[in-house]
Amino acid sequence: MAHQSLPGKAKSGRPLAAHYSMIKIEVDDKDVRALLEKVKRRAEDPAPLMRQIAGIMADEVEENFEKEGRPKWRPLRPSTIKARARKGHWPGKILQVSGKLAASITQKADATSAQVGTNRAYAAIQQFGGTINHSARERVLHFKQAVRGQVTFGRPGTGDKFAKKSKAHYAMKVQGKAYQQTIPARPFLVLTDGSLKKIRDKILDWLRGD
């Protein structure tokens, strides 16, 4: 019950002192009180909720790989596509030549946190982008002779061709130059607005005991 005294005037015309009592509202509904008590008990041990949230996050990261980014990652360069095609990895998905990065995603949760991540050393530069400085190094190139027994490398139309080591006729050591490689950011450890809504809905469902 709420009670409040209101200011007024005495017969003399002088204003009466205003006296206000605190307004109180008490919930006396058994169902509501039971629900509040249930929320209190569940909030004392949020570890199960955190595990469910970690699961949602892991599913969303998997979806990022499947959709090749949300929003879409920058497309591969034509030279990269050509190199992957030579090795039998194209058509294919970005960041999934071997599938090891996507497969390395793990989830972890405790009573106060939920997280997903990877222990792959190259994951950070794929996530955030950056520049890799490659130092000069000696390389061994393998060639297949156009004419057996005769090195014709460099002769137009008859030059020897690069080949796999197993199919090469001879090899040559060359000194490679130092160069830089720029990797564009392709964030895979990211949550969309839809992902966050799933987490909020899970929290509310969990608090209600659904």
N, C-alpha and C. Protein backbone atom coordinates (compact mmCIF):
# COMPACT_ATOMS: atom_id res chain seq x y z
N MET A 1 0.86 -1.19 0.00
CA MET A 1 0.00 0.00 0.00
C MET A 1 0.89 1.23 0.00
N ALA A 2 0.54 2.23 -0.78
CA ALA A 2 1.32 3.46 -0.83
C ALA A 2 0.56 4.56 -0.12
N HIS A 3 1.26 5.31 0.74
CA HIS A 3 0.62 6.40 1.48
C HIS A 3 1.48 7.63 1.34
N GLN A 4 0.82 8.78 1.16
CA GLN A 4 1.58 10.02 1.02
C GLN A 4 0.73 11.15 1.56
N SER A 5 1.28 11.96 2.46
CA SER A 5 0.57 13.14 2.96
C SER A 5 0.88 14.31 2.05
N LEU A 6 -0.11 15.14 1.80
CA LEU A 6 0.05 16.24 0.86
C LEU A 6 0.05 17.57 1.59
N PRO A 7 0.76 18.55 1.05
CA PRO A 7 0.79 19.87 1.68
C PRO A 7 -0.55 20.58 1.52
N GLY A 8 -0.89 21.47 2.44
CA GLY A 8 -2.12 22.24 2.34
C GLY A 8 -2.00 23.53 3.12
N LYS A 9 -3.12 24.14 3.46
CA LYS A 9 -3.10 25.39 4.21
C LYS A 9 -3.99 25.29 5.43
N ALA A 10 -3.54 25.89 6.50
CA ALA A 10 -4.35 25.96 7.72
C ALA A 10 -5.41 27.04 7.54
N LYS A 11 -6.33 27.08 8.49
CA LYS A 11 -7.40 28.07 8.40
C LYS A 11 -6.85 29.47 8.44
N SER A 12 -5.67 29.64 9.08
CA SER A 12 -5.09 30.97 9.19
C SER A 12 -4.50 31.43 7.87
N GLY A 13 -4.43 30.56 6.91
CA GLY A 13 -3.88 30.93 5.63
C GLY A 13 -2.42 30.60 5.50
N ARG A 14 -1.81 30.19 6.64
CA ARG A 14 -0.41 29.83 6.57
C ARG A 14 -0.26 28.43 5.98
N PRO A 15 0.78 28.22 5.17
CA PRO A 15 0.95 26.89 4.58
C PRO A 15 1.34 25.88 5.63
N LEU A 16 0.78 24.74 5.50
CA LEU A 16 1.15 23.64 6.39
C LEU A 16 2.50 23.08 5.95
N ALA A 17 3.25 22.54 6.88
CA ALA A 17 4.51 21.88 6.53
C ALA A 17 4.20 20.61 5.76
N ALA A 18 4.97 20.35 4.73
CA ALA A 18 4.75 19.16 3.91
C ALA A 18 5.42 17.97 4.56
N HIS A 19 4.69 16.92 4.73
CA HIS A 19 5.23 15.69 5.30
C HIS A 19 5.00 14.55 4.32
N TYR A 20 6.11 14.02 3.77
CA TYR A 20 6.00 12.93 2.79
C TYR A 20 6.52 11.65 3.41
N SER A 21 5.80 10.60 3.24
CA SER A 21 6.28 9.29 3.64
C SER A 21 6.79 8.56 2.41
N MET A 22 7.74 7.63 2.58
CA MET A 22 8.29 6.88 1.46
C MET A 22 7.22 6.01 0.82
N ILE A 23 7.20 6.04 -0.49
CA ILE A 23 6.26 5.21 -1.23
C ILE A 23 6.87 3.82 -1.38
N LYS A 24 6.17 2.81 -1.00
CA LYS A 24 6.67 1.44 -1.07
C LYS A 24 5.73 0.59 -1.91
N ILE A 25 6.33 -0.23 -2.74
CA ILE A 25 5.56 -1.19 -3.51
C ILE A 25 6.11 -2.57 -3.21
N GLU A 26 5.32 -3.44 -2.75
CA GLU A 26 5.75 -4.79 -2.43
C GLU A 26 5.08 -5.79 -3.36
N VAL A 27 5.92 -6.68 -3.90
CA VAL A 27 5.40 -7.72 -4.78
C VAL A 27 4.95 -8.89 -3.92
N ASP A 28 3.70 -9.21 -4.01
CA ASP A 28 3.17 -10.30 -3.20
C ASP A 28 2.59 -11.40 -4.09
N ASP A 29 3.17 -11.53 -5.29
CA ASP A 29 2.73 -12.57 -6.20
C ASP A 29 3.67 -13.77 -6.05
N LYS A 30 3.13 -14.93 -5.79
CA LYS A 30 3.96 -16.10 -5.52
C LYS A 30 4.81 -16.50 -6.73
N ASP A 31 4.23 -16.42 -7.92
CA ASP A 31 4.97 -16.81 -9.12
C ASP A 31 6.15 -15.88 -9.37
N VAL A 32 5.91 -14.58 -9.22
CA VAL A 32 6.99 -13.61 -9.44
C VAL A 32 8.09 -13.79 -8.41
N ARG A 33 7.70 -13.97 -7.15
CA ARG A 33 8.69 -14.16 -6.09
C ARG A 33 9.50 -15.44 -6.30
N ALA A 34 8.83 -16.47 -6.78
CA ALA A 34 9.53 -17.74 -7.04
C ALA A 34 10.53 -17.57 -8.18
N LEU A 35 10.13 -16.80 -9.20
CA LEU A 35 11.02 -16.56 -10.33
C LEU A 35 12.24 -15.75 -9.90
N LEU A 36 12.02 -14.73 -9.09
CA LEU A 36 13.13 -13.92 -8.60
C LEU A 36 14.09 -14.76 -7.76
N GLU A 37 13.55 -15.65 -6.96
CA GLU A 37 14.40 -16.52 -6.14
C GLU A 37 15.19 -17.48 -7.04
N LYS A 38 14.56 -17.93 -8.11
CA LYS A 38 15.23 -18.83 -9.05
C LYS A 38 16.37 -18.12 -9.75
N VAL A 39 16.14 -16.87 -10.15
CA VAL A 39 17.19 -16.07 -10.79
C VAL A 39 18.36 -15.89 -9.83
N LYS A 40 18.04 -15.62 -8.57
CA LYS A 40 19.09 -15.42 -7.57
C LYS A 40 19.95 -16.67 -7.42
N ARG A 41 19.29 -17.84 -7.34
CA ARG A 41 20.04 -19.09 -7.17
C ARG A 41 20.90 -19.38 -8.39
N ARG A 42 20.36 -19.17 -9.59
CA ARG A 42 21.12 -19.47 -10.80
C ARG A 42 22.29 -18.52 -10.97
N ALA A 43 22.10 -17.27 -10.55
CA ALA A 43 23.18 -16.29 -10.68
C ALA A 43 24.36 -16.60 -9.77
N GLU A 44 24.14 -17.43 -8.76
CA GLU A 44 25.23 -17.79 -7.86
C GLU A 44 26.23 -18.74 -8.52
N ASP A 45 25.82 -19.42 -9.60
CA ASP A 45 26.72 -20.33 -10.30
C ASP A 45 26.52 -20.16 -11.81
N PRO A 46 27.16 -19.13 -12.40
CA PRO A 46 26.96 -18.88 -13.83
C PRO A 46 27.84 -19.73 -14.75
N ALA A 47 28.63 -20.64 -14.21
CA ALA A 47 29.52 -21.46 -15.04
C ALA A 47 28.79 -22.18 -16.18
N PRO A 48 27.63 -22.81 -15.92
CA PRO A 48 26.92 -23.46 -17.04
C PRO A 48 26.53 -22.48 -18.15
N LEU A 49 26.14 -21.27 -17.76
CA LEU A 49 25.80 -20.25 -18.74
C LEU A 49 27.03 -19.88 -19.56
N MET A 50 28.17 -19.72 -18.90
CA MET A 50 29.39 -19.35 -19.60
C MET A 50 29.79 -20.42 -20.62
N ARG A 51 29.58 -21.68 -20.28
CA ARG A 51 29.90 -22.76 -21.23
C ARG A 51 29.00 -22.66 -22.46
N GLN A 52 27.74 -22.33 -22.25
CA GLN A 52 26.82 -22.20 -23.38
C GLN A 52 27.19 -21.00 -24.25
N ILE A 53 27.61 -19.92 -23.62
CA ILE A 53 28.03 -18.74 -24.37
C ILE A 53 29.27 -19.05 -25.19
N ALA A 54 30.23 -19.76 -24.60
CA ALA A 54 31.44 -20.15 -25.33
C ALA A 54 31.08 -21.00 -26.54
N GLY A 55 30.10 -21.87 -26.37
CA GLY A 55 29.65 -22.70 -27.49
C GLY A 55 29.06 -21.87 -28.62
N ILE A 56 28.28 -20.86 -28.25
CA ILE A 56 27.70 -19.96 -29.26
C ILE A 56 28.81 -19.23 -30.00
N MET A 57 29.80 -18.74 -29.26
CA MET A 57 30.91 -18.01 -29.88
C MET A 57 31.68 -18.90 -30.84
N ALA A 58 31.93 -20.14 -30.45
CA ALA A 58 32.66 -21.07 -31.31
C ALA A 58 31.87 -21.34 -32.60
N ASP A 59 30.55 -21.50 -32.47
CA ASP A 59 29.71 -21.72 -33.66
C ASP A 59 29.75 -20.51 -34.59
N GLU A 60 29.78 -19.31 -34.01
CA GLU A 60 29.80 -18.11 -34.83
C GLU A 60 31.12 -17.96 -35.57
N VAL A 61 32.23 -18.33 -34.92
CA VAL A 61 33.53 -18.29 -35.59
C VAL A 61 33.57 -19.29 -36.73
N GLU A 62 33.02 -20.47 -36.50
CA GLU A 62 32.95 -21.48 -37.57
C GLU A 62 32.15 -20.94 -38.75
N GLU A 63 31.09 -20.20 -38.47
CA GLU A 63 30.28 -19.61 -39.53
C GLU A 63 31.07 -18.54 -40.29
N ASN A 64 31.95 -17.82 -39.58
CA ASN A 64 32.80 -16.83 -40.25
C ASN A 64 33.68 -17.48 -41.31
N PHE A 65 34.25 -18.64 -40.97
CA PHE A 65 35.06 -19.37 -41.94
C PHE A 65 34.20 -19.85 -43.11
N GLU A 66 33.03 -20.36 -42.80
CA GLU A 66 32.15 -20.89 -43.83
C GLU A 66 31.71 -19.81 -44.82
N LYS A 67 31.40 -18.61 -44.28
CA LYS A 67 30.93 -17.50 -45.12
C LYS A 67 32.08 -16.67 -45.68
N GLU A 68 33.33 -17.03 -45.32
CA GLU A 68 34.51 -16.26 -45.72
C GLU A 68 34.40 -14.81 -45.28
N GLY A 69 34.06 -14.69 -44.00
CA GLY A 69 33.98 -13.37 -43.38
C GLY A 69 32.58 -12.82 -43.32
N ARG A 70 32.29 -12.14 -42.20
CA ARG A 70 31.02 -11.45 -42.03
C ARG A 70 31.30 -10.11 -41.35
N PRO A 71 31.54 -9.01 -42.12
CA PRO A 71 31.39 -8.88 -43.58
C PRO A 71 32.48 -9.64 -44.35
N LYS A 72 32.30 -9.76 -45.66
CA LYS A 72 33.17 -10.56 -46.51
C LYS A 72 34.62 -10.09 -46.43
N TRP A 73 35.53 -11.08 -46.38
CA TRP A 73 36.96 -10.77 -46.40
C TRP A 73 37.35 -10.28 -47.79
N ARG A 74 38.52 -9.63 -47.83
CA ARG A 74 39.06 -9.19 -49.11
C ARG A 74 39.39 -10.42 -49.96
N PRO A 75 39.02 -10.39 -51.24
CA PRO A 75 39.28 -11.55 -52.11
C PRO A 75 40.78 -11.81 -52.26
N LEU A 76 41.12 -13.04 -52.63
CA LEU A 76 42.52 -13.38 -52.88
C LEU A 76 42.99 -12.71 -54.16
N ARG A 77 44.28 -12.42 -54.22
CA ARG A 77 44.85 -11.87 -55.44
C ARG A 77 44.88 -12.93 -56.53
N PRO A 78 44.79 -12.51 -57.79
CA PRO A 78 44.85 -13.48 -58.89
C PRO A 78 46.08 -14.37 -58.83
N SER A 79 47.23 -13.81 -58.43
CA SER A 79 48.45 -14.60 -58.35
C SER A 79 48.35 -15.68 -57.28
N THR A 80 47.66 -15.35 -56.17
CA THR A 80 47.47 -16.33 -55.10
C THR A 80 46.54 -17.46 -55.56
N ILE A 81 45.49 -17.09 -56.26
CA ILE A 81 44.56 -18.10 -56.79
C ILE A 81 45.28 -19.02 -57.77
N LYS A 82 46.12 -18.43 -58.61
CA LYS A 82 46.86 -19.23 -59.59
C LYS A 82 47.80 -20.20 -58.89
N ALA A 83 48.49 -19.71 -57.84
CA ALA A 83 49.42 -20.57 -57.10
C ALA A 83 48.67 -21.70 -56.40
N ARG A 84 47.50 -21.40 -55.84
CA ARG A 84 46.72 -22.44 -55.18
C ARG A 84 46.18 -23.45 -56.18
N ALA A 85 45.83 -22.98 -57.37
CA ALA A 85 45.31 -23.89 -58.40
C ALA A 85 46.40 -24.87 -58.84
N ARG A 86 47.64 -24.39 -58.92
CA ARG A 86 48.73 -25.27 -59.32
C ARG A 86 48.93 -26.41 -58.33
N LYS A 87 48.64 -26.13 -57.06
CA LYS A 87 48.82 -27.13 -56.01
C LYS A 87 47.54 -27.91 -55.71
N GLY A 88 46.50 -27.66 -56.49
CA GLY A 88 45.26 -28.40 -56.30
C GLY A 88 44.39 -27.89 -55.17
N HIS A 89 44.62 -26.64 -54.74
CA HIS A 89 43.84 -26.06 -53.63
C HIS A 89 42.84 -25.01 -54.11
N TRP A 90 42.51 -25.04 -55.38
CA TRP A 90 41.51 -24.09 -55.90
C TRP A 90 40.69 -24.78 -56.98
N PRO A 91 39.36 -24.60 -56.96
CA PRO A 91 38.56 -23.74 -56.08
C PRO A 91 38.65 -24.16 -54.61
N GLY A 92 38.48 -23.19 -53.75
CA GLY A 92 38.53 -23.44 -52.32
C GLY A 92 38.14 -22.18 -51.57
N LYS A 93 38.23 -22.24 -50.26
CA LYS A 93 37.84 -21.12 -49.42
C LYS A 93 39.06 -20.37 -48.89
N ILE A 94 38.89 -19.09 -48.65
CA ILE A 94 39.95 -18.25 -48.11
C ILE A 94 40.29 -18.73 -46.68
N LEU A 95 41.58 -18.73 -46.35
CA LEU A 95 42.11 -19.15 -45.04
C LEU A 95 41.88 -20.63 -44.76
N GLN A 96 41.61 -21.41 -45.82
CA GLN A 96 41.36 -22.84 -45.59
C GLN A 96 42.08 -23.71 -46.62
N VAL A 97 43.36 -23.42 -46.84
CA VAL A 97 44.14 -24.27 -47.74
C VAL A 97 44.27 -25.66 -47.13
N SER A 98 44.65 -25.71 -45.86
CA SER A 98 44.79 -27.00 -45.17
C SER A 98 43.66 -27.25 -44.18
N GLY A 99 42.96 -26.18 -43.78
CA GLY A 99 41.89 -26.31 -42.80
C GLY A 99 42.39 -26.31 -41.36
N LYS A 100 43.72 -26.16 -41.18
CA LYS A 100 44.28 -26.24 -39.83
C LYS A 100 43.89 -25.05 -38.96
N LEU A 101 43.79 -23.85 -39.54
CA LEU A 101 43.44 -22.68 -38.75
C LEU A 101 42.01 -22.81 -38.22
N ALA A 102 41.08 -23.15 -39.10
CA ALA A 102 39.68 -23.30 -38.67
C ALA A 102 39.54 -24.41 -37.64
N ALA A 103 40.31 -25.49 -37.83
CA ALA A 103 40.22 -26.63 -36.91
C ALA A 103 40.88 -26.35 -35.56
N SER A 104 41.69 -25.29 -35.49
CA SER A 104 42.41 -25.01 -34.25
C SER A 104 41.61 -24.19 -33.25
N ILE A 105 40.42 -23.74 -33.65
CA ILE A 105 39.60 -22.90 -32.77
C ILE A 105 39.13 -23.72 -31.57
N THR A 106 39.42 -23.23 -30.38
CA THR A 106 39.01 -23.90 -29.15
C THR A 106 38.17 -22.95 -28.30
N GLN A 107 37.41 -23.52 -27.39
CA GLN A 107 36.59 -22.71 -26.49
C GLN A 107 36.93 -23.03 -25.04
N LYS A 108 36.75 -22.03 -24.19
CA LYS A 108 37.08 -22.18 -22.77
C LYS A 108 36.11 -21.33 -21.96
N ALA A 109 35.70 -21.84 -20.82
CA ALA A 109 34.77 -21.09 -19.96
C ALA A 109 35.00 -21.45 -18.51
N ASP A 110 34.73 -20.48 -17.63
CA ASP A 110 34.75 -20.73 -16.19
C ASP A 110 33.56 -19.98 -15.60
N ALA A 111 33.59 -19.72 -14.32
CA ALA A 111 32.44 -19.10 -13.65
C ALA A 111 32.26 -17.63 -14.01
N THR A 112 33.28 -17.00 -14.58
CA THR A 112 33.19 -15.57 -14.83
C THR A 112 33.48 -15.16 -16.27
N SER A 113 33.85 -16.10 -17.12
CA SER A 113 34.21 -15.70 -18.48
C SER A 113 33.97 -16.82 -19.48
N ALA A 114 33.88 -16.40 -20.74
CA ALA A 114 33.75 -17.34 -21.86
C ALA A 114 34.63 -16.82 -22.98
N GLN A 115 35.38 -17.70 -23.62
CA GLN A 115 36.28 -17.24 -24.67
C GLN A 115 36.52 -18.32 -25.71
N VAL A 116 36.87 -17.87 -26.91
CA VAL A 116 37.31 -18.76 -27.97
C VAL A 116 38.62 -18.20 -28.52
N GLY A 117 39.46 -19.07 -29.07
CA GLY A 117 40.74 -18.62 -29.58
C GLY A 117 41.47 -19.72 -30.31
N THR A 118 42.70 -19.43 -30.70
CA THR A 118 43.54 -20.38 -31.42
C THR A 118 44.98 -20.22 -30.97
N ASN A 119 45.75 -21.30 -31.06
CA ASN A 119 47.16 -21.23 -30.68
C ASN A 119 48.07 -21.22 -31.92
N ARG A 120 47.51 -21.06 -33.10
CA ARG A 120 48.31 -21.02 -34.31
C ARG A 120 49.13 -19.73 -34.35
N ALA A 121 50.43 -19.87 -34.63
CA ALA A 121 51.33 -18.72 -34.60
C ALA A 121 50.97 -17.67 -35.65
N TYR A 122 50.44 -18.10 -36.78
CA TYR A 122 50.14 -17.17 -37.87
C TYR A 122 48.73 -16.60 -37.79
N ALA A 123 47.99 -16.95 -36.75
CA ALA A 123 46.59 -16.51 -36.66
C ALA A 123 46.47 -15.00 -36.51
N ALA A 124 47.38 -14.39 -35.75
CA ALA A 124 47.27 -12.96 -35.47
C ALA A 124 47.36 -12.12 -36.74
N ILE A 125 48.30 -12.44 -37.62
CA ILE A 125 48.45 -11.61 -38.83
C ILE A 125 47.29 -11.82 -39.77
N GLN A 126 46.64 -12.98 -39.75
CA GLN A 126 45.44 -13.18 -40.56
C GLN A 126 44.27 -12.40 -39.96
N GLN A 127 44.21 -12.34 -38.65
CA GLN A 127 43.14 -11.63 -37.97
C GLN A 127 43.25 -10.11 -38.15
N PHE A 128 44.46 -9.58 -37.93
CA PHE A 128 44.65 -8.13 -37.90
C PHE A 128 45.33 -7.58 -39.16
N GLY A 129 45.96 -8.44 -39.97
CA GLY A 129 46.70 -7.97 -41.12
C GLY A 129 48.08 -7.48 -40.71
N GLY A 130 48.94 -7.27 -41.69
CA GLY A 130 50.28 -6.77 -41.40
C GLY A 130 51.25 -7.07 -42.52
N THR A 131 52.51 -6.77 -42.27
CA THR A 131 53.57 -6.97 -43.26
C THR A 131 54.61 -7.94 -42.74
N ILE A 132 54.98 -8.91 -43.57
CA ILE A 132 56.00 -9.88 -43.23
C ILE A 132 57.26 -9.55 -44.03
N ASN A 133 58.37 -9.41 -43.34
CA ASN A 133 59.64 -9.14 -44.00
C ASN A 133 60.39 -10.46 -44.20
N HIS A 134 60.57 -10.85 -45.44
CA HIS A 134 61.30 -12.06 -45.77
C HIS A 134 62.74 -11.71 -46.09
N SER A 135 63.67 -12.33 -45.42
CA SER A 135 65.09 -12.05 -45.67
C SER A 135 65.56 -12.81 -46.91
N ALA A 136 66.66 -12.32 -47.47
CA ALA A 136 67.25 -12.98 -48.64
C ALA A 136 67.75 -14.36 -48.23
N ARG A 137 67.54 -15.33 -49.10
CA ARG A 137 68.01 -16.67 -48.79
C ARG A 137 68.31 -17.43 -50.08
N GLU A 138 69.14 -18.43 -49.92
CA GLU A 138 69.49 -19.27 -51.06
C GLU A 138 68.39 -20.29 -51.31
N ARG A 139 68.07 -20.47 -52.57
CA ARG A 139 67.04 -21.43 -52.94
C ARG A 139 67.59 -22.40 -53.97
N VAL A 140 67.01 -23.57 -53.99
CA VAL A 140 67.37 -24.58 -54.98
C VAL A 140 66.20 -24.74 -55.94
N LEU A 141 66.46 -24.46 -57.22
CA LEU A 141 65.43 -24.58 -58.24
C LEU A 141 65.67 -25.86 -59.04
N HIS A 142 64.61 -26.52 -59.39
CA HIS A 142 64.70 -27.77 -60.15
C HIS A 142 64.13 -27.58 -61.55
N PHE A 143 64.81 -28.16 -62.54
CA PHE A 143 64.41 -27.98 -63.93
C PHE A 143 64.28 -29.32 -64.65
N LYS A 144 63.43 -29.30 -65.64
CA LYS A 144 63.30 -30.45 -66.54
C LYS A 144 63.81 -30.04 -67.90
N GLN A 145 64.72 -30.82 -68.46
CA GLN A 145 65.34 -30.46 -69.73
C GLN A 145 64.36 -30.60 -70.90
N ALA A 146 64.40 -29.59 -71.77
CA ALA A 146 63.61 -29.66 -73.00
C ALA A 146 64.23 -30.68 -73.94
N VAL A 147 65.57 -30.72 -73.96
CA VAL A 147 66.30 -31.69 -74.76
C VAL A 147 67.23 -32.44 -73.82
N ARG A 148 67.02 -33.72 -73.64
CA ARG A 148 67.82 -34.49 -72.71
C ARG A 148 69.30 -34.38 -73.05
N GLY A 149 70.10 -34.15 -72.00
CA GLY A 149 71.55 -34.06 -72.18
C GLY A 149 72.03 -32.71 -72.62
N GLN A 150 71.10 -31.77 -72.79
CA GLN A 150 71.50 -30.43 -73.24
C GLN A 150 70.74 -29.37 -72.45
N VAL A 151 71.48 -28.54 -71.75
CA VAL A 151 70.85 -27.46 -70.98
C VAL A 151 70.49 -26.34 -71.93
N THR A 152 69.22 -26.08 -72.10
CA THR A 152 68.74 -25.07 -73.06
C THR A 152 68.04 -23.92 -72.36
N PHE A 153 68.24 -23.82 -71.04
CA PHE A 153 67.53 -22.79 -70.28
C PHE A 153 67.87 -21.41 -70.83
N GLY A 154 66.85 -20.64 -71.13
CA GLY A 154 67.06 -19.29 -71.62
C GLY A 154 66.93 -19.15 -73.12
N ARG A 155 66.88 -20.23 -73.82
CA ARG A 155 66.72 -20.16 -75.27
C ARG A 155 65.24 -20.10 -75.63
N PRO A 156 64.77 -19.06 -76.32
CA PRO A 156 63.34 -18.90 -76.63
C PRO A 156 62.76 -20.13 -77.32
N GLY A 157 61.68 -20.60 -76.77
CA GLY A 157 60.98 -21.72 -77.37
C GLY A 157 61.54 -23.08 -77.03
N THR A 158 62.75 -23.13 -76.53
CA THR A 158 63.35 -24.43 -76.23
C THR A 158 63.86 -24.51 -74.80
N GLY A 159 63.54 -23.50 -73.97
CA GLY A 159 64.09 -23.43 -72.63
C GLY A 159 63.61 -24.54 -71.72
N ASP A 160 64.47 -24.91 -70.79
CA ASP A 160 64.09 -25.90 -69.78
C ASP A 160 63.03 -25.29 -68.88
N LYS A 161 62.23 -26.12 -68.27
CA LYS A 161 61.12 -25.65 -67.46
C LYS A 161 61.30 -26.03 -66.00
N PHE A 162 60.70 -25.21 -65.13
CA PHE A 162 60.70 -25.55 -63.70
C PHE A 162 59.94 -26.85 -63.52
N ALA A 163 60.40 -27.65 -62.56
CA ALA A 163 59.75 -28.93 -62.33
C ALA A 163 59.85 -29.30 -60.86
N LYS A 164 59.02 -30.24 -60.45
CA LYS A 164 59.13 -30.79 -59.10
C LYS A 164 60.46 -31.54 -58.97
N LYS A 165 60.96 -31.61 -57.75
CA LYS A 165 62.24 -32.26 -57.52
C LYS A 165 62.22 -33.71 -58.04
N SER A 166 61.10 -34.40 -57.86
CA SER A 166 61.01 -35.80 -58.25
C SER A 166 61.03 -35.99 -59.77
N LYS A 167 60.69 -34.92 -60.53
CA LYS A 167 60.63 -35.04 -61.98
C LYS A 167 61.71 -34.22 -62.68
N ALA A 168 62.59 -33.58 -61.90
CA ALA A 168 63.61 -32.70 -62.48
C ALA A 168 64.80 -33.50 -62.99
N HIS A 169 65.47 -32.93 -63.99
CA HIS A 169 66.69 -33.52 -64.54
C HIS A 169 67.93 -32.93 -63.88
N TYR A 170 67.81 -31.70 -63.39
CA TYR A 170 68.95 -31.09 -62.71
C TYR A 170 68.45 -29.96 -61.82
N ALA A 171 69.34 -29.46 -60.96
CA ALA A 171 69.00 -28.40 -60.01
C ALA A 171 70.02 -27.28 -60.09
N MET A 172 69.60 -26.11 -59.62
CA MET A 172 70.48 -24.95 -59.66
C MET A 172 70.25 -24.11 -58.40
N LYS A 173 71.33 -23.69 -57.75
CA LYS A 173 71.22 -22.84 -56.58
C LYS A 173 71.19 -21.39 -57.02
N VAL A 174 70.25 -20.63 -56.45
CA VAL A 174 70.15 -19.21 -56.77
C VAL A 174 70.00 -18.43 -55.46
N GLN A 175 70.45 -17.19 -55.47
CA GLN A 175 70.34 -16.33 -54.29
C GLN A 175 69.10 -15.46 -54.42
N GLY A 176 68.11 -15.73 -53.58
CA GLY A 176 66.89 -14.95 -53.63
C GLY A 176 67.06 -13.58 -52.98
N LYS A 177 66.21 -12.64 -53.34
CA LYS A 177 66.25 -11.30 -52.79
C LYS A 177 65.30 -11.18 -51.60
N ALA A 178 65.61 -10.23 -50.71
CA ALA A 178 64.71 -9.94 -49.59
C ALA A 178 63.45 -9.27 -50.15
N TYR A 179 62.32 -9.54 -49.54
CA TYR A 179 61.08 -8.92 -50.01
C TYR A 179 60.07 -8.84 -48.88
N GLN A 180 59.05 -8.03 -49.09
CA GLN A 180 57.98 -7.85 -48.12
C GLN A 180 56.69 -8.45 -48.65
N GLN A 181 55.91 -8.98 -47.74
CA GLN A 181 54.62 -9.56 -48.09
C GLN A 181 53.55 -8.92 -47.20
N THR A 182 52.57 -8.30 -47.83
CA THR A 182 51.49 -7.64 -47.08
C THR A 182 50.27 -8.57 -47.00
N ILE A 183 49.82 -8.81 -45.79
CA ILE A 183 48.66 -9.66 -45.55
C ILE A 183 47.48 -8.78 -45.13
N PRO A 184 46.39 -8.77 -45.88
CA PRO A 184 45.22 -7.98 -45.47
C PRO A 184 44.52 -8.62 -44.28
N ALA A 185 43.89 -7.79 -43.47
CA ALA A 185 43.16 -8.30 -42.31
C ALA A 185 41.94 -9.08 -42.77
N ARG A 186 41.81 -10.28 -42.25
CA ARG A 186 40.62 -11.10 -42.49
C ARG A 186 40.15 -11.64 -41.14
N PRO A 187 39.46 -10.79 -40.38
CA PRO A 187 39.07 -11.16 -39.01
C PRO A 187 38.10 -12.33 -38.96
N PHE A 188 38.51 -13.38 -38.31
CA PHE A 188 37.66 -14.56 -38.14
C PHE A 188 37.18 -14.69 -36.70
N LEU A 189 37.92 -14.12 -35.76
CA LEU A 189 37.49 -14.10 -34.36
C LEU A 189 36.70 -12.82 -34.12
N VAL A 190 35.48 -12.81 -34.59
CA VAL A 190 34.64 -11.62 -34.49
C VAL A 190 33.19 -12.06 -34.36
N LEU A 191 32.41 -11.27 -33.62
CA LEU A 191 30.99 -11.55 -33.42
C LEU A 191 30.16 -10.49 -34.12
N THR A 192 29.14 -10.91 -34.83
CA THR A 192 28.24 -9.99 -35.51
C THR A 192 27.15 -9.52 -34.53
N ASP A 193 26.33 -8.58 -34.98
CA ASP A 193 25.19 -8.14 -34.16
C ASP A 193 24.26 -9.32 -33.89
N GLY A 194 24.10 -10.17 -34.90
CA GLY A 194 23.26 -11.35 -34.71
C GLY A 194 23.84 -12.30 -33.68
N SER A 195 25.18 -12.40 -33.65
CA SER A 195 25.84 -13.25 -32.66
C SER A 195 25.57 -12.74 -31.25
N LEU A 196 25.68 -11.43 -31.08
CA LEU A 196 25.46 -10.83 -29.76
C LEU A 196 24.01 -11.01 -29.31
N LYS A 197 23.08 -10.94 -30.25
CA LYS A 197 21.67 -11.16 -29.90
C LYS A 197 21.46 -12.59 -29.40
N LYS A 198 22.12 -13.56 -30.04
CA LYS A 198 22.00 -14.94 -29.59
C LYS A 198 22.51 -15.08 -28.15
N ILE A 199 23.58 -14.38 -27.84
CA ILE A 199 24.13 -14.45 -26.48
C ILE A 199 23.18 -13.80 -25.49
N ARG A 200 22.63 -12.63 -25.84
CA ARG A 200 21.68 -11.97 -24.94
C ARG A 200 20.45 -12.84 -24.70
N ASP A 201 19.94 -13.45 -25.77
CA ASP A 201 18.77 -14.31 -25.63
C ASP A 201 19.08 -15.52 -24.76
N LYS A 202 20.29 -16.06 -24.91
CA LYS A 202 20.68 -17.22 -24.09
C LYS A 202 20.75 -16.84 -22.62
N ILE A 203 21.26 -15.65 -22.33
CA ILE A 203 21.33 -15.20 -20.93
C ILE A 203 19.94 -15.08 -20.32
N LEU A 204 19.01 -14.49 -21.07
CA LEU A 204 17.64 -14.33 -20.57
C LEU A 204 16.97 -15.70 -20.39
N ASP A 205 17.16 -16.59 -21.35
CA ASP A 205 16.58 -17.93 -21.24
C ASP A 205 17.14 -18.66 -20.02
N TRP A 206 18.43 -18.49 -19.82
CA TRP A 206 19.09 -19.19 -18.70
C TRP A 206 18.57 -18.66 -17.36
N LEU A 207 18.41 -17.34 -17.26
CA LEU A 207 17.92 -16.74 -16.02
C LEU A 207 16.49 -17.18 -15.71
N ARG A 208 15.69 -17.39 -16.78
CA ARG A 208 14.32 -17.86 -16.58
C ARG A 208 14.25 -19.35 -16.34
N GLY A 209 15.36 -20.04 -16.59
CA GLY A 209 15.38 -21.47 -16.37
C GLY A 209 14.90 -22.25 -17.56
N ASP A 210 14.82 -21.61 -18.75
CA ASP A 210 14.35 -22.30 -19.96
C ASP A 210 15.42 -23.25 -20.49
